Amino acid sequence: MALDKPYKDVPGTTIFDAEQSRLGYHLNQFCMSLMKAENRARFKADERKYLNDWPMSEEQKQAVLARDLNRCIELGGNIYFLAKLGATDGRSFQYMAASMTGMTQQQYAQMMLEGGRSPEGNRRVGEERKGKPGG
């Protein structure tokens, strides 16, 4: 029985729910494995070989190799697990967030200092906005 998921229509947003958790289980477990120094060393020595030890989809493996964090999230990755991949690469969480928005780290930091992104365009499709035309 499919669950009603009214949150599926938030533009540009993947909600990490039970379905996403199941989809990304092995991807997220791979990321958690990077908490151990010996696993980070094995991964850095031959990324593809290390990834092949995990029962992830080829799409998930390609997203990891490309460091395409947005695609990893679409394929069930959770940003808190994916942060282990960024740390393995010597990247800060801020760097990772910037890369996901298409900004440089400096642009992202400045945007956050100025109050963050506008919520306009990030509402659910059809969501009413009080005090706005049509809402």
Protein backbone atom coordinates (compact mmCIF):
# COMPACT_ATOMS: atom_id res chain seq x y z
CA MET A 1 0.00 0.00 0.00
CA ALA A 2 1.52 3.29 -1.11
CA LEU A 3 1.52 6.08 1.44
CA ASP A 4 0.18 9.51 0.59
CA LYS A 5 3.22 11.79 0.39
CA PRO A 6 2.07 15.38 -0.07
CA TYR A 7 5.65 16.53 0.59
CA LYS A 8 6.85 14.95 -2.68
CA ASP A 9 6.02 18.16 -4.56
CA VAL A 10 8.49 20.49 -2.83
CA PRO A 11 10.58 21.81 -5.74
CA GLY A 12 14.23 20.82 -5.53
CA THR A 13 13.77 18.83 -2.33
CA THR A 14 14.18 15.14 -1.61
CA ILE A 15 12.63 14.17 1.71
CA PHE A 16 14.56 11.45 3.54
CA ASP A 17 11.69 9.19 4.52
CA ALA A 18 11.46 5.43 5.08
CA GLU A 19 11.42 4.75 1.33
CA GLN A 20 14.58 6.82 0.76
CA SER A 21 16.18 5.16 3.77
CA ARG A 22 15.62 1.71 2.26
CA LEU A 23 16.82 2.87 -1.16
CA GLY A 24 20.03 4.33 0.25
CA TYR A 25 20.78 1.80 2.98
CA HIS A 26 24.00 0.42 1.44
CA LEU A 27 25.11 3.84 0.18
CA ASN A 28 24.76 5.25 3.68
CA GLN A 29 26.49 2.23 5.24
CA PHE A 30 29.38 2.72 2.80
CA CYS A 31 29.65 6.33 3.98
CA MET A 32 29.64 5.23 7.62
CA SER A 33 32.45 2.78 6.86
CA LEU A 34 34.63 5.81 6.12
CA MET A 35 34.71 6.61 9.82
CA LYS A 36 37.50 4.02 10.15
CA ALA A 37 40.97 5.08 9.03
CA GLU A 38 41.71 1.73 7.40
CA ASN A 39 38.55 1.98 5.29
CA ARG A 40 39.35 5.55 4.23
CA ALA A 41 42.81 4.36 3.16
CA ARG A 42 41.34 1.46 1.14
CA PHE A 43 38.80 3.78 -0.49
CA LYS A 44 41.39 6.41 -1.38
CA ALA A 45 43.74 3.75 -2.80
CA ASP A 46 41.12 2.43 -5.25
CA GLU A 47 37.69 4.03 -5.01
CA ARG A 48 36.02 1.79 -7.56
CA LYS A 49 37.37 -1.39 -6.00
CA TYR A 50 36.18 -0.34 -2.55
CA LEU A 51 32.74 0.64 -3.88
CA ASN A 52 32.41 -2.73 -5.59
CA ASP A 53 32.52 -4.33 -2.13
CA TRP A 54 29.15 -2.70 -1.41
CA PRO A 55 25.82 -3.90 -2.88
CA MET A 56 24.92 -0.44 -4.19
CA SER A 57 23.38 0.26 -7.56
CA GLU A 58 25.70 1.31 -10.36
CA GLU A 59 23.96 4.71 -10.31
CA GLN A 60 24.85 5.14 -6.64
CA LYS A 61 28.46 4.16 -7.28
CA GLN A 62 28.73 6.59 -10.19
CA ALA A 63 27.24 9.39 -8.07
CA VAL A 64 29.85 8.73 -5.36
CA LEU A 65 32.70 8.64 -7.86
CA ALA A 66 31.50 11.93 -9.39
CA ARG A 67 30.94 13.39 -5.89
CA ASP A 68 27.49 14.37 -7.14
CA LEU A 69 25.90 14.86 -3.74
CA ASN A 70 22.54 15.92 -5.13
CA ARG A 71 22.34 12.67 -7.11
CA CYS A 72 23.46 10.69 -4.05
CA ILE A 73 20.56 12.22 -2.12
CA GLU A 74 18.10 11.40 -4.92
CA LEU A 75 19.36 7.80 -4.72
CA GLY A 76 18.75 7.52 -0.96
CA GLY A 77 21.82 9.16 0.50
CA ASN A 78 21.42 11.13 3.70
CA ILE A 79 23.49 14.30 3.97
CA TYR A 80 24.71 13.40 7.46
CA PHE A 81 26.10 10.11 6.16
CA LEU A 82 27.42 11.75 2.98
CA ALA A 83 29.36 14.18 5.18
CA LYS A 84 31.72 11.26 5.90
CA LEU A 85 32.56 11.16 2.18
CA GLY A 86 33.25 14.90 2.21
CA ALA A 87 35.46 14.55 5.28
CA THR A 88 37.37 11.74 3.56
CA ASP A 89 38.07 14.21 0.74
CA GLY A 90 39.12 16.87 3.24
CA ARG A 91 36.03 18.96 2.49
CA SER A 92 34.02 20.93 5.00
CA PHE A 93 30.27 20.64 5.33
CA GLN A 94 30.08 24.24 4.10
CA TYR A 95 32.02 23.27 0.97
CA MET A 96 29.65 20.35 0.38
CA ALA A 97 26.55 22.51 0.82
CA ALA A 98 27.96 25.10 -1.56
CA SER A 99 28.67 22.45 -4.19
CA MET A 100 25.06 21.29 -3.96
CA THR A 101 23.78 24.79 -4.72
CA GLY A 102 26.18 25.51 -7.58
CA MET A 103 27.91 28.22 -5.56
CA THR A 104 31.50 28.64 -4.47
CA GLN A 105 32.18 28.19 -0.79
CA GLN A 106 32.64 31.95 -0.45
CA GLN A 107 29.34 32.72 -2.22
CA TYR A 108 27.52 30.21 -0.05
CA ALA A 109 29.01 31.63 3.16
CA GLN A 110 28.02 35.16 2.12
CA MET A 111 24.46 34.07 1.31
CA MET A 112 24.14 32.44 4.72
CA LEU A 113 25.54 35.54 6.46
CA GLU A 114 22.90 37.60 4.67
CA GLY A 115 20.07 35.48 6.03
CA GLY A 116 20.05 32.46 3.75
CA ARG A 117 18.01 31.66 0.68
CA SER A 118 14.63 33.17 0.10
CA PRO A 119 11.81 30.68 0.68
CA GLU A 120 10.15 31.88 -2.54
CA GLY A 121 9.97 29.03 -5.00
CA ASN A 122 10.63 26.45 -2.30
CA ARG A 123 7.06 25.87 -1.22
CA ARG A 124 4.95 22.87 -2.06
CA VAL A 125 3.32 23.14 -5.43
CA GLY A 126 -0.08 24.72 -4.87
CA GLU A 127 0.73 25.82 -1.32
CA GLU A 128 -1.28 28.84 -0.25
CA ARG A 129 0.65 31.90 0.87
CA LYS A 130 -1.25 34.13 3.25
CA GLY A 131 -1.10 37.79 2.38
CA LYS A 132 0.07 37.11 -1.17
CA PRO A 133 -1.98 37.30 -4.34
CA GLY A 134 -3.65 33.95 -4.90
CA GLY A 135 -3.17 32.99 -1.24
